[in-house]
Amino acid sequence: VTGVYQRASDNVFLANGVAANNGGGLPIGAQGVRWDTGTIEAHYTYSPKLFFLTRYELARITRQSVAGFAPSDLGDADVITVGYRYYPFMHSRAGLAWHQEFATELTKHTSDTGLDQRTSSYFMGFDFAF
């Protein structure tokens, strides 16, 4: 099991989509966005050729771009991913990996109506190395 925590922020001009040489174009209450993110990932190795993974990721907006304009949790995201990687053959000179993942994400207040929005994605890929 591995985990990562990050804190990040954007400049007030970038966060509000205003050119840096246009200070008067900032809305009242404009501020730089700040968010915290975290990831926890676990692997289970069934055999040297097959392992399973699961991942939980979250992003929490701790400061919106305009104070008091949007809900404090606008854009918060939670993502859950499950997948596996299978190596049909591995040799000292070449190998092939088959990787598949399914992820589902929930974001707060991002739909047209202001409700939460859920999206899902599927990934499949091959990795050939020699």
Foldseek 3Di string as FASTA:
>chain_A
DDKDKDKDKDAQCVLQVHDPVCVVPRDPQFGIKIKMKMKDKDKDDPDPFKIKMKMKMWMATQDHGGPPPDPRRAFTKIKIKIWMKGWPDDDPQKTKIKIKMKMKMWGALPDPVRHIDIDIDIDIDMDIGD
